[in-house]
Amino acid sequence: MERKTLGLFLLLLIVLAAEEMVVMKTEAQGTGRTCEALSSQFSGGCVGTTGNQQCDNICRRLEGLLSGTCKGLQCFCTRAC
């Protein structure tokens, strides 16, 4: 039983760490380095053009970042590194 609990705890820790550590560095043309991270303010799913526009608005207006775009069903914000 103790081994099962430890395994479940480690799995939960990995899932949470992966969600928080999703930062992808990309090279923007002529503007230097940018990083992408999961939006902390966006709720719901990114569906269609409307979802992508909402993601971008939230990243720009609420989070004060450069832009936002949907990847899958999640909203990622772009900021200068």
PDB file of N, CA and C in Angstrom:
ATOM      1  N   MET A   1       0.824  -1.187   0.000  1.00  0.00           N
ATOM      2  CA  MET A   1       0.000   0.000   0.000  1.00  0.00           C
ATOM      3  C   MET A   1       0.871   1.255   0.000  1.00  0.00           C
ATOM      4  N   GLU A   2       1.931   1.224   0.766  1.00  0.00           N
ATOM      5  CA  GLU A   2       2.838   2.375   0.858  1.00  0.00           C
ATOM      6  C   GLU A   2       3.489   2.657  -0.497  1.00  0.00           C
ATOM      7  N   ARG A   3       3.817   1.631  -1.227  1.00  0.00           N
ATOM      8  CA  ARG A   3       4.439   1.773  -2.540  1.00  0.00           C
ATOM      9  C   ARG A   3       3.460   2.394  -3.550  1.00  0.00           C
ATOM     10  N   LYS A   4       2.194   1.994  -3.455  1.00  0.00           N
ATOM     11  CA  LYS A   4       1.157   2.547  -4.322  1.00  0.00           C
ATOM     12  C   LYS A   4       0.987   4.048  -4.069  1.00  0.00           C
ATOM     13  N   THR A   5       0.962   4.436  -2.819  1.00  0.00           N
ATOM     14  CA  THR A   5       0.805   5.843  -2.447  1.00  0.00           C
ATOM     15  C   THR A   5       1.988   6.662  -2.941  1.00  0.00           C
ATOM     16  N   LEU A   6       3.182   6.148  -2.793  1.00  0.00           N
ATOM     17  CA  LEU A   6       4.377   6.839  -3.261  1.00  0.00           C
ATOM     18  C   LEU A   6       4.347   6.992  -4.782  1.00  0.00           C
ATOM     19  N   GLY A   7       3.942   5.953  -5.485  1.00  0.00           N
ATOM     20  CA  GLY A   7       3.849   6.008  -6.940  1.00  0.00           C
ATOM     21  C   GLY A   7       2.819   7.026  -7.398  1.00  0.00           C
ATOM     22  N   LEU A   8       1.683   7.068  -6.735  1.00  0.00           N
ATOM     23  CA  LEU A   8       0.636   8.034  -7.070  1.00  0.00           C
ATOM     24  C   LEU A   8       1.112   9.460  -6.807  1.00  0.00           C
ATOM     25  N   PHE A   9       1.801   9.663  -5.706  1.00  0.00           N
ATOM     26  CA  PHE A   9       2.340  10.981  -5.377  1.00  0.00           C
ATOM     27  C   PHE A   9       3.352  11.435  -6.424  1.00  0.00           C
ATOM     28  N   LEU A  10       4.242  10.553  -6.841  1.00  0.00           N
ATOM     29  CA  LEU A  10       5.244  10.901  -7.853  1.00  0.00           C
ATOM     30  C   LEU A  10       4.591  11.213  -9.200  1.00  0.00           C
ATOM     31  N   LEU A  11       3.572  10.452  -9.569  1.00  0.00           N
ATOM     32  CA  LEU A  11       2.859  10.709 -10.813  1.00  0.00           C
ATOM     33  C   LEU A  11       2.181  12.078 -10.766  1.00  0.00           C
ATOM     34  N   LEU A  12       1.536  12.400  -9.672  1.00  0.00           N
ATOM     35  CA  LEU A  12       0.887  13.697  -9.504  1.00  0.00           C
ATOM     36  C   LEU A  12       1.913  14.821  -9.558  1.00  0.00           C
ATOM     37  N   LEU A  13       3.034  14.642  -8.932  1.00  0.00           N
ATOM     38  CA  LEU A  13       4.104  15.637  -8.940  1.00  0.00           C
ATOM     39  C   LEU A  13       4.628  15.877 -10.356  1.00  0.00           C
ATOM     40  N   ILE A  14       4.796  14.825 -11.123  1.00  0.00           N
ATOM     41  CA  ILE A  14       5.278  14.948 -12.503  1.00  0.00           C
ATOM     42  C   ILE A  14       4.265  15.696 -13.360  1.00  0.00           C
ATOM     43  N   VAL A  15       2.989  15.370 -13.204  1.00  0.00           N
ATOM     44  CA  VAL A  15       1.950  16.044 -13.992  1.00  0.00           C
ATOM     45  C   VAL A  15       1.901  17.527 -13.660  1.00  0.00           C
ATOM     46  N   LEU A  16       1.930  17.862 -12.390  1.00  0.00           N
ATOM     47  CA  LEU A  16       1.888  19.274 -11.987  1.00  0.00           C
ATOM     48  C   LEU A  16       3.136  20.024 -12.438  1.00  0.00           C
ATOM     49  N   ALA A  17       4.288  19.400 -12.322  1.00  0.00           N
ATOM     50  CA  ALA A  17       5.534  20.046 -12.746  1.00  0.00           C
ATOM     51  C   ALA A  17       5.541  20.263 -14.250  1.00  0.00           C
ATOM     52  N   ALA A  18       5.046  19.301 -14.997  1.00  0.00           N
ATOM     53  CA  ALA A  18       5.022  19.433 -16.456  1.00  0.00           C
ATOM     54  C   ALA A  18       4.099  20.572 -16.872  1.00  0.00           C
ATOM     55  N   GLU A  19       2.991  20.729 -16.192  1.00  0.00           N
ATOM     56  CA  GLU A  19       2.047  21.793 -16.535  1.00  0.00           C
ATOM     57  C   GLU A  19       2.641  23.166 -16.235  1.00  0.00           C
ATOM     58  N   GLU A  20       3.343  23.304 -15.136  1.00  0.00           N
ATOM     59  CA  GLU A  20       3.926  24.588 -14.749  1.00  0.00           C
ATOM     60  C   GLU A  20       5.194  24.918 -15.523  1.00  0.00           C
ATOM     61  N   MET A  21       5.902  23.919 -15.979  1.00  0.00           N
ATOM     62  CA  MET A  21       7.196  24.145 -16.605  1.00  0.00           C
ATOM     63  C   MET A  21       7.132  24.205 -18.122  1.00  0.00           C
ATOM     64  N   VAL A  22       5.950  24.328 -18.667  1.00  0.00           N
ATOM     65  CA  VAL A  22       5.816  24.387 -20.115  1.00  0.00           C
ATOM     66  C   VAL A  22       6.253  25.772 -20.570  1.00  0.00           C
ATOM     67  N   VAL A  23       7.529  25.890 -20.833  1.00  0.00           N
ATOM     68  CA  VAL A  23       8.080  27.148 -21.341  1.00  0.00           C
ATOM     69  C   VAL A  23       8.926  26.791 -22.545  1.00  0.00           C
ATOM     70  N   MET A  24       8.559  27.340 -23.670  1.00  0.00           N
ATOM     71  CA  MET A  24       9.283  27.050 -24.889  1.00  0.00           C
ATOM     72  C   MET A  24       9.964  28.318 -25.368  1.00  0.00           C
ATOM     73  N   LYS A  25      11.251  28.260 -25.548  1.00  0.00           N
ATOM     74  CA  LYS A  25      11.972  29.411 -26.037  1.00  0.00           C
ATOM     75  C   LYS A  25      12.003  29.376 -27.560  1.00  0.00           C
ATOM     76  N   THR A  26      11.672  30.488 -28.141  1.00  0.00           N
ATOM     77  CA  THR A  26      11.705  30.588 -29.592  1.00  0.00           C
ATOM     78  C   THR A  26      12.481  31.836 -29.975  1.00  0.00           C
ATOM     79  N   GLU A  27      12.914  31.881 -31.165  1.00  0.00           N
ATOM     80  CA  GLU A  27      13.665  33.021 -31.655  1.00  0.00           C
ATOM     81  C   GLU A  27      12.763  33.848 -32.563  1.00  0.00           C
ATOM     82  N   ALA A  28      12.444  35.051 -32.176  1.00  0.00           N
ATOM     83  CA  ALA A  28      11.617  35.924 -32.998  1.00  0.00           C
ATOM     84  C   ALA A  28      12.525  36.673 -33.968  1.00  0.00           C
ATOM     85  N   GLN A  29      12.019  36.935 -35.146  1.00  0.00           N
ATOM     86  CA  GLN A  29      12.818  37.593 -36.157  1.00  0.00           C
ATOM     87  C   GLN A  29      13.028  39.056 -35.806  1.00  0.00           C
ATOM     88  N   GLY A  30      14.266  39.428 -35.554  1.00  0.00           N
ATOM     89  CA  GLY A  30      14.627  40.814 -35.333  1.00  0.00           C
ATOM     90  C   GLY A  30      14.232  41.391 -33.984  1.00  0.00           C
ATOM     91  N   THR A  31      13.530  40.664 -33.142  1.00  0.00           N
ATOM     92  CA  THR A  31      13.112  41.234 -31.866  1.00  0.00           C
ATOM     93  C   THR A  31      13.799  40.591 -30.676  1.00  0.00           C
ATOM     94  N   GLY A  32      14.697  39.663 -30.884  1.00  0.00           N
ATOM     95  CA  GLY A  32      15.354  38.999 -29.764  1.00  0.00           C
ATOM     96  C   GLY A  32      14.589  37.765 -29.332  1.00  0.00           C
ATOM     97  N   ARG A  33      14.897  37.301 -28.148  1.00  0.00           N
ATOM     98  CA  ARG A  33      14.307  36.055 -27.670  1.00  0.00           C
ATOM     99  C   ARG A  33      12.935  36.273 -27.057  1.00  0.00           C
ATOM    100  N   THR A  34      12.063  35.327 -27.297  1.00  0.00           N
ATOM    101  CA  THR A  34      10.743  35.314 -26.664  1.00  0.00           C
ATOM    102  C   THR A  34      10.521  33.953 -26.032  1.00  0.00           C
ATOM    103  N   CYS A  35       9.671  33.931 -25.023  1.00  0.00           N
ATOM    104  CA  CYS A  35       9.319  32.688 -24.343  1.00  0.00           C
ATOM    105  C   CYS A  35       7.810  32.558 -24.337  1.00  0.00           C
ATOM    106  N   GLU A  36       7.346  31.341 -24.329  1.00  0.00           N
ATOM    107  CA  GLU A  36       5.916  31.064 -24.241  1.00  0.00           C
ATOM    108  C   GLU A  36       5.642  30.287 -22.968  1.00  0.00           C
ATOM    109  N   ALA A  37       4.549  30.633 -22.304  1.00  0.00           N
ATOM    110  CA  ALA A  37       4.136  29.925 -21.099  1.00  0.00           C
ATOM    111  C   ALA A  37       2.620  29.848 -21.068  1.00  0.00           C
ATOM    112  N   LEU A  38       2.116  28.854 -20.398  1.00  0.00           N
ATOM    113  CA  LEU A  38       0.687  28.660 -20.256  1.00  0.00           C
ATOM    114  C   LEU A  38       0.079  29.871 -19.559  1.00  0.00           C
ATOM    115  N   SER A  39      -1.031  30.371 -20.083  1.00  0.00           N
ATOM    116  CA  SER A  39      -1.703  31.538 -19.504  1.00  0.00           C
ATOM    117  C   SER A  39      -2.223  31.212 -18.107  1.00  0.00           C
ATOM    118  N   SER A  40      -2.062  32.159 -17.202  1.00  0.00           N
ATOM    119  CA  SER A  40      -2.570  31.969 -15.844  1.00  0.00           C
ATOM    120  C   SER A  40      -3.996  32.504 -15.695  1.00  0.00           C
ATOM    121  N   GLN A  41      -4.465  33.293 -16.661  1.00  0.00           N
ATOM    122  CA  GLN A  41      -5.782  33.928 -16.564  1.00  0.00           C
ATOM    123  C   GLN A  41      -6.843  33.301 -17.460  1.00  0.00           C
ATOM    124  N   PHE A  42      -6.443  32.607 -18.509  1.00  0.00           N
ATOM    125  CA  PHE A  42      -7.393  32.061 -19.480  1.00  0.00           C
ATOM    126  C   PHE A  42      -8.131  30.873 -18.882  1.00  0.00           C
ATOM    127  N   SER A  43      -9.456  30.883 -19.017  1.00  0.00           N
ATOM    128  CA  SER A  43     -10.234  29.735 -18.556  1.00  0.00           C
ATOM    129  C   SER A  43     -11.103  29.250 -19.712  1.00  0.00           C
ATOM    130  N   GLY A  44     -11.404  27.996 -19.698  1.00  0.00           N
ATOM    131  CA  GLY A  44     -12.157  27.414 -20.804  1.00  0.00           C
ATOM    132  C   GLY A  44     -11.196  26.804 -21.802  1.00  0.00           C
ATOM    133  N   GLY A  45     -11.715  26.421 -22.923  1.00  0.00           N
ATOM    134  CA  GLY A  45     -10.881  25.803 -23.937  1.00  0.00           C
ATOM    135  C   GLY A  45     -10.687  26.708 -25.129  1.00  0.00           C
ATOM    136  N   CYS A  46      -9.593  26.553 -25.792  1.00  0.00           N
ATOM    137  CA  CYS A  46      -9.314  27.287 -27.024  1.00  0.00           C
ATOM    138  C   CYS A  46     -10.013  26.547 -28.163  1.00  0.00           C
ATOM    139  N   VAL A  47     -11.109  27.096 -28.629  1.00  0.00           N
ATOM    140  CA  VAL A  47     -11.855  26.446 -29.702  1.00  0.00           C
ATOM    141  C   VAL A  47     -12.103  27.461 -30.810  1.00  0.00           C
ATOM    142  N   GLY A  48     -11.579  27.159 -31.986  1.00  0.00           N
ATOM    143  CA  GLY A  48     -11.814  27.992 -33.155  1.00  0.00           C
ATOM    144  C   GLY A  48     -11.165  29.362 -33.089  1.00  0.00           C
ATOM    145  N   THR A  49     -11.552  30.215 -34.013  1.00  0.00           N
ATOM    146  CA  THR A  49     -10.998  31.557 -34.125  1.00  0.00           C
ATOM    147  C   THR A  49     -11.337  32.403 -32.904  1.00  0.00           C
ATOM    148  N   THR A  50     -12.537  32.250 -32.382  1.00  0.00           N
ATOM    149  CA  THR A  50     -12.952  33.026 -31.215  1.00  0.00           C
ATOM    150  C   THR A  50     -12.081  32.720 -30.007  1.00  0.00           C
ATOM    151  N   GLY A  51     -11.784  31.457 -29.788  1.00  0.00           N
ATOM    152  CA  GLY A  51     -10.923  31.059 -28.673  1.00  0.00           C
ATOM    153  C   GLY A  51      -9.540  31.639 -28.812  1.00  0.00           C
ATOM    154  N   ASN A  52      -9.010  31.646 -30.024  1.00  0.00           N
ATOM    155  CA  ASN A  52      -7.679  32.194 -30.271  1.00  0.00           C
ATOM    156  C   ASN A  52      -7.668  33.702 -30.015  1.00  0.00           C
ATOM    157  N   GLN A  53      -8.725  34.401 -30.419  1.00  0.00           N
ATOM    158  CA  GLN A  53      -8.817  35.845 -30.179  1.00  0.00           C
ATOM    159  C   GLN A  53      -8.937  36.143 -28.691  1.00  0.00           C
ATOM    160  N   GLN A  54      -9.720  35.352 -27.979  1.00  0.00           N
ATOM    161  CA  GLN A  54      -9.856  35.540 -26.534  1.00  0.00           C
ATOM    162  C   GLN A  54      -8.530  35.296 -25.832  1.00  0.00           C
ATOM    163  N   CYS A  55      -7.819  34.275 -26.252  1.00  0.00           N
ATOM    164  CA  CYS A  55      -6.499  33.969 -25.687  1.00  0.00           C
ATOM    165  C   CYS A  55      -5.560  35.161 -25.877  1.00  0.00           C
ATOM    166  N   ASP A  56      -5.506  35.696 -27.082  1.00  0.00           N
ATOM    167  CA  ASP A  56      -4.633  36.833 -27.381  1.00  0.00           C
ATOM    168  C   ASP A  56      -5.023  38.055 -26.538  1.00  0.00           C
ATOM    169  N   ASN A  57      -6.327  38.339 -26.446  1.00  0.00           N
ATOM    170  CA  ASN A  57      -6.793  39.481 -25.651  1.00  0.00           C
ATOM    171  C   ASN A  57      -6.421  39.347 -24.180  1.00  0.00           C
ATOM    172  N   ILE A  58      -6.601  38.165 -23.621  1.00  0.00           N
ATOM    173  CA  ILE A  58      -6.288  37.947 -22.210  1.00  0.00           C
ATOM    174  C   ILE A  58      -4.795  38.093 -21.959  1.00  0.00           C
ATOM    175  N   CYS A  59      -3.974  37.529 -22.846  1.00  0.00           N
ATOM    176  CA  CYS A  59      -2.526  37.638 -22.673  1.00  0.00           C
ATOM    177  C   CYS A  59      -2.067  39.097 -22.754  1.00  0.00           C
ATOM    178  N   ARG A  60      -2.617  39.848 -23.687  1.00  0.00           N
ATOM    179  CA  ARG A  60      -2.220  41.249 -23.869  1.00  0.00           C
ATOM    180  C   ARG A  60      -2.782  42.152 -22.776  1.00  0.00           C
ATOM    181  N   ARG A  61      -4.077  42.074 -22.541  1.00  0.00           N
ATOM    182  CA  ARG A  61      -4.737  43.037 -21.640  1.00  0.00           C
ATOM    183  C   ARG A  61      -4.645  42.667 -20.166  1.00  0.00           C
ATOM    184  N   LEU A  62      -4.946  41.424 -19.832  1.00  0.00           N
ATOM    185  CA  LEU A  62      -4.954  41.044 -18.416  1.00  0.00           C
ATOM    186  C   LEU A  62      -3.568  40.702 -17.877  1.00  0.00           C
ATOM    187  N   GLU A  63      -2.751  40.070 -18.725  1.00  0.00           N
ATOM    188  CA  GLU A  63      -1.442  39.635 -18.252  1.00  0.00           C
ATOM    189  C   GLU A  63      -0.319  40.577 -18.682  1.00  0.00           C
ATOM    190  N   GLY A  64      -0.621  41.543 -19.564  1.00  0.00           N
ATOM    191  CA  GLY A  64       0.371  42.534 -19.980  1.00  0.00           C
ATOM    192  C   GLY A  64       1.520  41.959 -20.796  1.00  0.00           C
ATOM    193  N   LEU A  65       1.259  40.911 -21.557  1.00  0.00           N
ATOM    194  CA  LEU A  65       2.309  40.257 -22.331  1.00  0.00           C
ATOM    195  C   LEU A  65       2.187  40.612 -23.810  1.00  0.00           C
ATOM    196  N   LEU A  66       3.095  40.087 -24.623  1.00  0.00           N
ATOM    197  CA  LEU A  66       3.159  40.459 -26.038  1.00  0.00           C
ATOM    198  C   LEU A  66       1.984  39.939 -26.858  1.00  0.00           C
ATOM    199  N   SER A  67       1.636  38.677 -26.690  1.00  0.00           N
ATOM    200  CA  SER A  67       0.555  38.084 -27.473  1.00  0.00           C
ATOM    201  C   SER A  67       0.155  36.749 -26.854  1.00  0.00           C
ATOM    202  N   GLY A  68      -0.858  36.144 -27.451  1.00  0.00           N
ATOM    203  CA  GLY A  68      -1.306  34.841 -27.001  1.00  0.00           C
ATOM    204  C   GLY A  68      -1.831  34.039 -28.173  1.00  0.00           C
ATOM    205  N   THR A  69      -1.669  32.744 -28.100  1.00  0.00           N
ATOM    206  CA  THR A  69      -2.155  31.862 -29.158  1.00  0.00           C
ATOM    207  C   THR A  69      -2.544  30.509 -28.573  1.00  0.00           C
ATOM    208  N   CYS A  70      -3.526  29.887 -29.198  1.00  0.00           N
ATOM    209  CA  CYS A  70      -3.985  28.573 -28.750  1.00  0.00           C
ATOM    210  C   CYS A  70      -3.108  27.484 -29.352  1.00  0.00           C
ATOM    211  N   LYS A  71      -2.774  26.540 -28.527  1.00  0.00           N
ATOM    212  CA  LYS A  71      -2.077  25.335 -28.973  1.00  0.00           C
ATOM    213  C   LYS A  71      -2.844  24.180 -28.366  1.00  0.00           C
ATOM    214  N   GLY A  72      -3.503  23.454 -29.221  1.00  0.00           N
ATOM    215  CA  GLY A  72      -4.411  22.433 -28.716  1.00  0.00           C
ATOM    216  C   GLY A  72      -5.599  23.139 -28.082  1.00  0.00           C
ATOM    217  N   LEU A  73      -5.931  22.786 -26.870  1.00  0.00           N
ATOM    218  CA  LEU A  73      -7.027  23.437 -26.164  1.00  0.00           C
ATOM    219  C   LEU A  73      -6.529  24.416 -25.111  1.00  0.00           C
ATOM    220  N   GLN A  74      -5.225  24.691 -25.092  1.00  0.00           N
ATOM    221  CA  GLN A  74      -4.650  25.565 -24.075  1.00  0.00           C
ATOM    222  C   GLN A  74      -4.152  26.872 -24.680  1.00  0.00           C
ATOM    223  N   CYS A  75      -4.171  27.918 -23.859  1.00  0.00           N
ATOM    224  CA  CYS A  75      -3.743  29.248 -24.271  1.00  0.00           C
ATOM    225  C   CYS A  75      -2.315  29.496 -23.793  1.00  0.00           C
ATOM    226  N   PHE A  76      -1.440  29.840 -24.706  1.00  0.00           N
ATOM    227  CA  PHE A  76      -0.052  30.163 -24.369  1.00  0.00           C
ATOM    228  C   PHE A  76       0.219  31.627 -24.657  1.00  0.00           C
ATOM    229  N   CYS A  77       0.850  32.302 -23.695  1.00  0.00           N
ATOM    230  CA  CYS A  77       1.199  33.716 -23.834  1.00  0.00           C
ATOM    231  C   CYS A  77       2.670  33.843 -24.211  1.00  0.00           C
ATOM    232  N   THR A  78       2.972  34.840 -25.029  1.00  0.00           N
ATOM    233  CA  THR A  78       4.345  35.108 -25.452  1.00  0.00           C
ATOM    234  C   THR A  78       4.844  36.356 -24.739  1.00  0.00           C
ATOM    235  N   ARG A  79       6.064  36.276 -24.200  1.00  0.00           N
ATOM    236  CA  ARG A  79       6.685  37.420 -23.523  1.00  0.00           C
ATOM    237  C   ARG A  79       8.150  37.489 -23.916  1.00  0.00           C
ATOM    238  N   ALA A  80       8.755  38.640 -23.694  1.00  0.00           N
ATOM    239  CA  ALA A  80      10.187  38.768 -23.945  1.00  0.00           C
ATOM    240  C   ALA A  80      10.940  38.033 -22.827  1.00  0.00           C
ATOM    241  N   CYS A  81      11.985  37.307 -23.187  1.00  0.00           N
ATOM    242  CA  CYS A  81      12.781  36.578 -22.186  1.00  0.00           C
ATOM    243  C   CYS A  81      13.805  37.498 -21.534  1.00  0.00           C
TER     244      CYS A  81
END
